[in-house]
Amino acid sequence: MPDTDAHATDEGSEALEEIQETFVIESMTYEKLQAAKPLINALIERDVLGYRWESESAQLTITLYRPGPSAGQ
């Protein structure tokens, strides 16, 4: 099992300016993360969410982004 599981968001671009909110969820086990994957992936596809999961601490960090100009089209 890898130490981290993260969606590759382009954090070096204007995406950082579009961060709306960041949440940290403790006690997010691998099993819980897998159960939430369909929702996480759907939000990633819409460019409104990025995440990082650390297996050793079972900590999930979720970053919400403002939808871009093409969102919802």
PDB file of N, CA and C in Angstrom:
ATOM      1  N   MET A   1       0.853  -1.178   0.000  1.00  0.00           N
ATOM      2  CA  MET A   1       0.000   0.000   0.000  1.00  0.00           C
ATOM      3  C   MET A   1       0.898   1.240   0.000  1.00  0.00           C
ATOM      4  N   PRO A   2       0.661   2.200  -0.891  1.00  0.00           N
ATOM      5  CA  PRO A   2       1.522   3.379  -0.959  1.00  0.00           C
ATOM      6  C   PRO A   2       1.344   4.283   0.249  1.00  0.00           C
ATOM      7  N   ASP A   3       2.364   5.095   0.507  1.00  0.00           N
ATOM      8  CA  ASP A   3       2.299   6.020   1.630  1.00  0.00           C
ATOM      9  C   ASP A   3       1.298   7.137   1.390  1.00  0.00           C
ATOM     10  N   THR A   4       1.165   7.554   0.144  1.00  0.00           N
ATOM     11  CA  THR A   4       0.215   8.622  -0.152  1.00  0.00           C
ATOM     12  C   THR A   4      -0.569   8.274  -1.395  1.00  0.00           C
ATOM     13  N   ASP A   5      -1.736   8.815  -1.495  1.00  0.00           N
ATOM     14  CA  ASP A   5      -2.594   8.655  -2.661  1.00  0.00           C
ATOM     15  C   ASP A   5      -3.128  10.050  -2.946  1.00  0.00           C
ATOM     16  N   ALA A   6      -2.702  10.632  -4.055  1.00  0.00           N
ATOM     17  CA  ALA A   6      -3.090  12.020  -4.308  1.00  0.00           C
ATOM     18  C   ALA A   6      -3.442  12.222  -5.760  1.00  0.00           C
ATOM     19  N   HIS A   7      -4.402  13.070  -5.995  1.00  0.00           N
ATOM     20  CA  HIS A   7      -4.736  13.475  -7.356  1.00  0.00           C
ATOM     21  C   HIS A   7      -3.746  14.551  -7.763  1.00  0.00           C
ATOM     22  N   ALA A   8      -3.203  14.428  -8.931  1.00  0.00           N
ATOM     23  CA  ALA A   8      -2.186  15.362  -9.402  1.00  0.00           C
ATOM     24  C   ALA A   8      -2.839  16.651  -9.868  1.00  0.00           C
ATOM     25  N   THR A   9      -3.016  17.577  -8.958  1.00  0.00           N
ATOM     26  CA  THR A   9      -3.522  18.883  -9.343  1.00  0.00           C
ATOM     27  C   THR A   9      -2.339  19.753  -9.709  1.00  0.00           C
ATOM     28  N   ASP A  10      -2.529  20.673 -10.602  1.00  0.00           N
ATOM     29  CA  ASP A  10      -1.454  21.543 -11.055  1.00  0.00           C
ATOM     30  C   ASP A  10      -1.294  22.675 -10.055  1.00  0.00           C
ATOM     31  N   GLU A  11      -0.614  22.378  -8.949  1.00  0.00           N
ATOM     32  CA  GLU A  11      -0.510  23.345  -7.869  1.00  0.00           C
ATOM     33  C   GLU A  11       0.433  24.488  -8.195  1.00  0.00           C
ATOM     34  N   GLY A  12       1.169  24.417  -9.292  1.00  0.00           N
ATOM     35  CA  GLY A  12       2.062  25.490  -9.665  1.00  0.00           C
ATOM     36  C   GLY A  12       1.393  26.534 -10.534  1.00  0.00           C
ATOM     37  N   SER A  13       0.134  26.372 -10.835  1.00  0.00           N
ATOM     38  CA  SER A  13      -0.556  27.290 -11.741  1.00  0.00           C
ATOM     39  C   SER A  13      -1.533  28.172 -10.991  1.00  0.00           C
ATOM     40  N   GLU A  14      -2.430  28.764 -11.755  1.00  0.00           N
ATOM     41  CA  GLU A  14      -3.424  29.655 -11.162  1.00  0.00           C
ATOM     42  C   GLU A  14      -4.407  28.927 -10.258  1.00  0.00           C
ATOM     43  N   ALA A  15      -4.369  27.593 -10.217  1.00  0.00           N
ATOM     44  CA  ALA A  15      -5.286  26.828  -9.369  1.00  0.00           C
ATOM     45  C   ALA A  15      -5.164  27.249  -7.913  1.00  0.00           C
ATOM     46  N   LEU A  16      -3.948  27.610  -7.466  1.00  0.00           N
ATOM     47  CA  LEU A  16      -3.772  28.040  -6.088  1.00  0.00           C
ATOM     48  C   LEU A  16      -4.582  29.300  -5.797  1.00  0.00           C
ATOM     49  N   GLU A  17      -4.735  30.171  -6.762  1.00  0.00           N
ATOM     50  CA  GLU A  17      -5.521  31.383  -6.573  1.00  0.00           C
ATOM     51  C   GLU A  17      -7.007  31.071  -6.490  1.00  0.00           C
ATOM     52  N   GLU A  18      -7.394  29.917  -6.970  1.00  0.00           N
ATOM     53  CA  GLU A  18      -8.801  29.548  -7.013  1.00  0.00           C
ATOM     54  C   GLU A  18      -9.221  28.675  -5.833  1.00  0.00           C
ATOM     55  N   ILE A  19      -8.323  28.446  -4.867  1.00  0.00           N
ATOM     56  CA  ILE A  19      -8.680  27.608  -3.718  1.00  0.00           C
ATOM     57  C   ILE A  19      -9.776  28.303  -2.918  1.00  0.00           C
ATOM     58  N   GLN A  20     -10.836  27.572  -2.679  1.00  0.00           N
ATOM     59  CA  GLN A  20     -11.960  28.115  -1.927  1.00  0.00           C
ATOM     60  C   GLN A  20     -11.851  27.718  -0.458  1.00  0.00           C
ATOM     61  N   GLU A  21     -11.530  26.452  -0.199  1.00  0.00           N
ATOM     62  CA  GLU A  21     -11.463  25.974   1.178  1.00  0.00           C
ATOM     63  C   GLU A  21     -10.690  24.664   1.227  1.00  0.00           C
ATOM     64  N   THR A  22     -10.029  24.412   2.364  1.00  0.00           N
ATOM     65  CA  THR A  22      -9.297  23.169   2.569  1.00  0.00           C
ATOM     66  C   THR A  22      -9.786  22.530   3.861  1.00  0.00           C
ATOM     67  N   PHE A  23     -10.020  21.223   3.812  1.00  0.00           N
ATOM     68  CA  PHE A  23     -10.480  20.460   4.967  1.00  0.00           C
ATOM     69  C   PHE A  23      -9.480  19.353   5.258  1.00  0.00           C
ATOM     70  N   VAL A  24      -9.283  19.039   6.529  1.00  0.00           N
ATOM     71  CA  VAL A  24      -8.463  17.905   6.928  1.00  0.00           C
ATOM     72  C   VAL A  24      -9.368  16.951   7.695  1.00  0.00           C
ATOM     73  N   ILE A  25      -9.409  15.711   7.247  1.00  0.00           N
ATOM     74  CA  ILE A  25     -10.243  14.691   7.882  1.00  0.00           C
ATOM     75  C   ILE A  25      -9.322  13.657   8.510  1.00  0.00           C
ATOM     76  N   GLU A  26      -9.408  13.504   9.816  1.00  0.00           N
ATOM     77  CA  GLU A  26      -8.599  12.528  10.545  1.00  0.00           C
ATOM     78  C   GLU A  26      -9.267  11.155  10.485  1.00  0.00           C
ATOM     79  N   SER A  27      -8.523  10.124  10.752  1.00  0.00           N
ATOM     80  CA  SER A  27      -9.024   8.740  10.829  1.00  0.00           C
ATOM     81  C   SER A  27      -9.700   8.291   9.540  1.00  0.00           C
ATOM     82  N   MET A  28      -9.162   8.683   8.407  1.00  0.00           N
ATOM     83  CA  MET A  28      -9.685   8.247   7.112  1.00  0.00           C
ATOM     84  C   MET A  28      -8.896   7.003   6.701  1.00  0.00           C
ATOM     85  N   THR A  29      -9.439   5.845   7.026  1.00  0.00           N
ATOM     86  CA  THR A  29      -8.769   4.592   6.694  1.00  0.00           C
ATOM     87  C   THR A  29      -8.814   4.347   5.191  1.00  0.00           C
ATOM     88  N   TYR A  30      -7.989   3.432   4.727  1.00  0.00           N
ATOM     89  CA  TYR A  30      -7.954   3.081   3.309  1.00  0.00           C
ATOM     90  C   TYR A  30      -9.325   2.597   2.846  1.00  0.00           C
ATOM     91  N   GLU A  31     -10.000   1.820   3.682  1.00  0.00           N
ATOM     92  CA  GLU A  31     -11.319   1.294   3.329  1.00  0.00           C
ATOM     93  C   GLU A  31     -12.334   2.423   3.168  1.00  0.00           C
ATOM     94  N   LYS A  32     -12.306   3.393   4.079  1.00  0.00           N
ATOM     95  CA  LYS A  32     -13.215   4.539   3.978  1.00  0.00           C
ATOM     96  C   LYS A  32     -12.903   5.360   2.731  1.00  0.00           C
ATOM     97  N   LEU A  33     -11.616   5.535   2.440  1.00  0.00           N
ATOM     98  CA  LEU A  33     -11.220   6.289   1.254  1.00  0.00           C
ATOM     99  C   LEU A  33     -11.725   5.610  -0.006  1.00  0.00           C
ATOM    100  N   GLN A  34     -11.608   4.295  -0.087  1.00  0.00           N
ATOM    101  CA  GLN A  34     -12.080   3.567  -1.261  1.00  0.00           C
ATOM    102  C   GLN A  34     -13.588   3.693  -1.423  1.00  0.00           C
ATOM    103  N   ALA A  35     -14.316   3.725  -0.315  1.00  0.00           N
ATOM    104  CA  ALA A  35     -15.770   3.885  -0.384  1.00  0.00           C
ATOM    105  C   ALA A  35     -16.144   5.273  -0.913  1.00  0.00           C
ATOM    106  N   ALA A  36     -15.323   6.265  -0.624  1.00  0.00           N
ATOM    107  CA  ALA A  36     -15.604   7.637  -1.056  1.00  0.00           C
ATOM    108  C   ALA A  36     -15.063   7.947  -2.449  1.00  0.00           C
ATOM    109  N   LYS A  37     -14.274   7.043  -3.033  1.00  0.00           N
ATOM    110  CA  LYS A  37     -13.613   7.300  -4.317  1.00  0.00           C
ATOM    111  C   LYS A  37     -14.557   7.705  -5.447  1.00  0.00           C
ATOM    112  N   PRO A  38     -15.730   7.099  -5.622  1.00  0.00           N
ATOM    113  CA  PRO A  38     -16.603   7.538  -6.724  1.00  0.00           C
ATOM    114  C   PRO A  38     -16.975   9.024  -6.631  1.00  0.00           C
ATOM    115  N   LEU A  39     -17.285   9.485  -5.444  1.00  0.00           N
ATOM    116  CA  LEU A  39     -17.612  10.898  -5.255  1.00  0.00           C
ATOM    117  C   LEU A  39     -16.380  11.771  -5.478  1.00  0.00           C
ATOM    118  N   ILE A  40     -15.263  11.382  -4.906  1.00  0.00           N
ATOM    119  CA  ILE A  40     -14.022  12.140  -5.069  1.00  0.00           C
ATOM    120  C   ILE A  40     -13.661  12.254  -6.543  1.00  0.00           C
ATOM    121  N   ASN A  41     -13.709  11.143  -7.262  1.00  0.00           N
ATOM    122  CA  ASN A  41     -13.345  11.152  -8.681  1.00  0.00           C
ATOM    123  C   ASN A  41     -14.292  12.013  -9.512  1.00  0.00           C
ATOM    124  N   ALA A  42     -15.580  11.990  -9.189  1.00  0.00           N
ATOM    125  CA  ALA A  42     -16.545  12.816  -9.922  1.00  0.00           C
ATOM    126  C   ALA A  42     -16.244  14.303  -9.730  1.00  0.00           C
ATOM    127  N   LEU A  43     -15.868  14.692  -8.532  1.00  0.00           N
ATOM    128  CA  LEU A  43     -15.545  16.096  -8.270  1.00  0.00           C
ATOM    129  C   LEU A  43     -14.214  16.494  -8.901  1.00  0.00           C
ATOM    130  N   ILE A  44     -13.260  15.571  -8.933  1.00  0.00           N
ATOM    131  CA  ILE A  44     -11.981  15.840  -9.595  1.00  0.00           C
ATOM    132  C   ILE A  44     -12.204  16.076 -11.083  1.00  0.00           C
ATOM    133  N   GLU A  45     -13.047  15.264 -11.696  1.00  0.00           N
ATOM    134  CA  GLU A  45     -13.334  15.411 -13.128  1.00  0.00           C
ATOM    135  C   GLU A  45     -13.932  16.774 -13.446  1.00  0.00           C
ATOM    136  N   ARG A  46     -14.601  17.380 -12.482  1.00  0.00           N
ATOM    137  CA  ARG A  46     -15.207  18.703 -12.685  1.00  0.00           C
ATOM    138  C   ARG A  46     -14.266  19.828 -12.254  1.00  0.00           C
ATOM    139  N   ASP A  47     -13.026  19.468 -11.927  1.00  0.00           N
ATOM    140  CA  ASP A  47     -12.002  20.446 -11.536  1.00  0.00           C
ATOM    141  C   ASP A  47     -12.408  21.300 -10.344  1.00  0.00           C
ATOM    142  N   VAL A  48     -13.113  20.722  -9.389  1.00  0.00           N
ATOM    143  CA  VAL A  48     -13.485  21.479  -8.196  1.00  0.00           C
ATOM    144  C   VAL A  48     -12.900  20.876  -6.922  1.00  0.00           C
ATOM    145  N   LEU A  49     -12.113  19.804  -7.052  1.00  0.00           N
ATOM    146  CA  LEU A  49     -11.591  19.151  -5.864  1.00  0.00           C
ATOM    147  C   LEU A  49     -10.222  18.556  -6.143  1.00  0.00           C
ATOM    148  N   GLY A  50      -9.358  18.636  -5.146  1.00  0.00           N
ATOM    149  CA  GLY A  50      -8.085  17.936  -5.142  1.00  0.00           C
ATOM    150  C   GLY A  50      -7.940  17.289  -3.773  1.00  0.00           C
ATOM    151  N   TYR A  51      -7.151  16.231  -3.663  1.00  0.00           N
ATOM    152  CA  TYR A  51      -6.998  15.605  -2.359  1.00  0.00           C
ATOM    153  C   TYR A  51      -5.620  14.996  -2.192  1.00  0.00           C
ATOM    154  N   ARG A  52      -5.275  14.751  -0.938  1.00  0.00           N
ATOM    155  CA  ARG A  52      -4.046  14.047  -0.587  1.00  0.00           C
ATOM    156  C   ARG A  52      -4.373  13.172   0.614  1.00  0.00           C
ATOM    157  N   TRP A  53      -3.995  11.898   0.533  1.00  0.00           N
ATOM    158  CA  TRP A  53      -4.243  10.967   1.629  1.00  0.00           C
ATOM    159  C   TRP A  53      -2.917  10.388   2.083  1.00  0.00           C
ATOM    160  N   GLU A  54      -2.690  10.379   3.389  1.00  0.00           N
ATOM    161  CA  GLU A  54      -1.474   9.825   3.964  1.00  0.00           C
ATOM    162  C   GLU A  54      -1.840   8.589   4.767  1.00  0.00           C
ATOM    163  N   SER A  55      -1.313   7.441   4.344  1.00  0.00           N
ATOM    164  CA  SER A  55      -1.699   6.178   4.970  1.00  0.00           C
ATOM    165  C   SER A  55      -1.192   6.047   6.401  1.00  0.00           C
ATOM    166  N   GLU A  56       0.004   6.541   6.689  1.00  0.00           N
ATOM    167  CA  GLU A  56       0.552   6.380   8.040  1.00  0.00           C
ATOM    168  C   GLU A  56      -0.273   7.107   9.087  1.00  0.00           C
ATOM    169  N   SER A  57      -0.737   8.304   8.762  1.00  0.00           N
ATOM    170  CA  SER A  57      -1.531   9.069   9.724  1.00  0.00           C
ATOM    171  C   SER A  57      -3.027   8.913   9.483  1.00  0.00           C
ATOM    172  N   ALA A  58      -3.401   8.250   8.377  1.00  0.00           N
ATOM    173  CA  ALA A  58      -4.809   8.099   7.977  1.00  0.00           C
ATOM    174  C   ALA A  58      -5.486   9.465   7.907  1.00  0.00           C
ATOM    175  N   GLN A  59      -4.766  10.429   7.332  1.00  0.00           N
ATOM    176  CA  GLN A  59      -5.266  11.797   7.231  1.00  0.00           C
ATOM    177  C   GLN A  59      -5.567  12.125   5.774  1.00  0.00           C
ATOM    178  N   LEU A  60      -6.759  12.634   5.542  1.00  0.00           N
ATOM    179  CA  LEU A  60      -7.191  13.034   4.209  1.00  0.00           C
ATOM    180  C   LEU A  60      -7.308  14.556   4.179  1.00  0.00           C
ATOM    181  N   THR A  61      -6.626  15.177   3.222  1.00  0.00           N
ATOM    182  CA  THR A  61      -6.726  16.618   3.026  1.00  0.00           C
ATOM    183  C   THR A  61      -7.474  16.856   1.728  1.00  0.00           C
ATOM    184  N   ILE A  62      -8.577  17.578   1.804  1.00  0.00           N
ATOM    185  CA  ILE A  62      -9.403  17.878   0.635  1.00  0.00           C
ATOM    186  C   ILE A  62      -9.337  19.376   0.380  1.00  0.00           C
ATOM    187  N   THR A  63      -9.091  19.739  -0.863  1.00  0.00           N
ATOM    188  CA  THR A  63      -9.061  21.142  -1.265  1.00  0.00           C
ATOM    189  C   THR A  63     -10.167  21.376  -2.277  1.00  0.00           C
ATOM    190  N   LEU A  64     -11.043  22.320  -1.976  1.00  0.00           N
ATOM    191  CA  LEU A  64     -12.114  22.694  -2.899  1.00  0.00           C
ATOM    192  C   LEU A  64     -11.675  23.914  -3.693  1.00  0.00           C
ATOM    193  N   TYR A  65     -11.943  23.886  -4.992  1.00  0.00           N
ATOM    194  CA  TYR A  65     -11.600  24.989  -5.881  1.00  0.00           C
ATOM    195  C   TYR A  65     -12.870  25.636  -6.399  1.00  0.00           C
ATOM    196  N   ARG A  66     -12.788  26.905  -6.719  1.00  0.00           N
ATOM    197  CA  ARG A  66     -13.900  27.573  -7.395  1.00  0.00           C
ATOM    198  C   ARG A  66     -13.987  27.002  -8.797  1.00  0.00           C
ATOM    199  N   PRO A  67     -15.179  26.717  -9.265  1.00  0.00           N
ATOM    200  CA  PRO A  67     -15.313  26.210 -10.635  1.00  0.00           C
ATOM    201  C   PRO A  67     -14.793  27.232 -11.636  1.00  0.00           C
ATOM    202  N   GLY A  68     -14.117  26.734 -12.657  1.00  0.00           N
ATOM    203  CA  GLY A  68     -13.599  27.602 -13.706  1.00  0.00           C
ATOM    204  C   GLY A  68     -14.709  28.100 -14.606  1.00  0.00           C
ATOM    205  N   PRO A  69     -14.376  28.954 -15.561  1.00  0.00           N
ATOM    206  CA  PRO A  69     -15.394  29.532 -16.441  1.00  0.00           C
ATOM    207  C   PRO A  69     -16.119  28.504 -17.300  1.00  0.00           C
ATOM    208  N   SER A  70     -15.493  27.352 -17.557  1.00  0.00           N
ATOM    209  CA  SER A  70     -16.141  26.335 -18.391  1.00  0.00           C
ATOM    210  C   SER A  70     -16.928  25.320 -17.575  1.00  0.00           C
ATOM    211  N   ALA A  71     -16.959  25.458 -16.243  1.00  0.00           N
ATOM    212  CA  ALA A  71     -17.668  24.499 -15.396  1.00  0.00           C
ATOM    213  C   ALA A  71     -19.162  24.547 -15.682  1.00  0.00           C
ATOM    214  N   GLY A  72     -19.766  23.379 -15.740  1.00  0.00           N
ATOM    215  CA  GLY A  72     -21.200  23.279 -15.938  1.00  0.00           C
ATOM    216  C   GLY A  72     -21.638  23.412 -17.378  1.00  0.00           C
ATOM    217  N   GLN A  73     -20.695  23.479 -18.301  1.00  0.00           N
ATOM    218  CA  GLN A  73     -21.061  23.604 -19.716  1.00  0.00           C
ATOM    219  C   GLN A  73     -20.939  22.284 -20.407  1.00  0.00           C
TER     220      GLN A  73
END
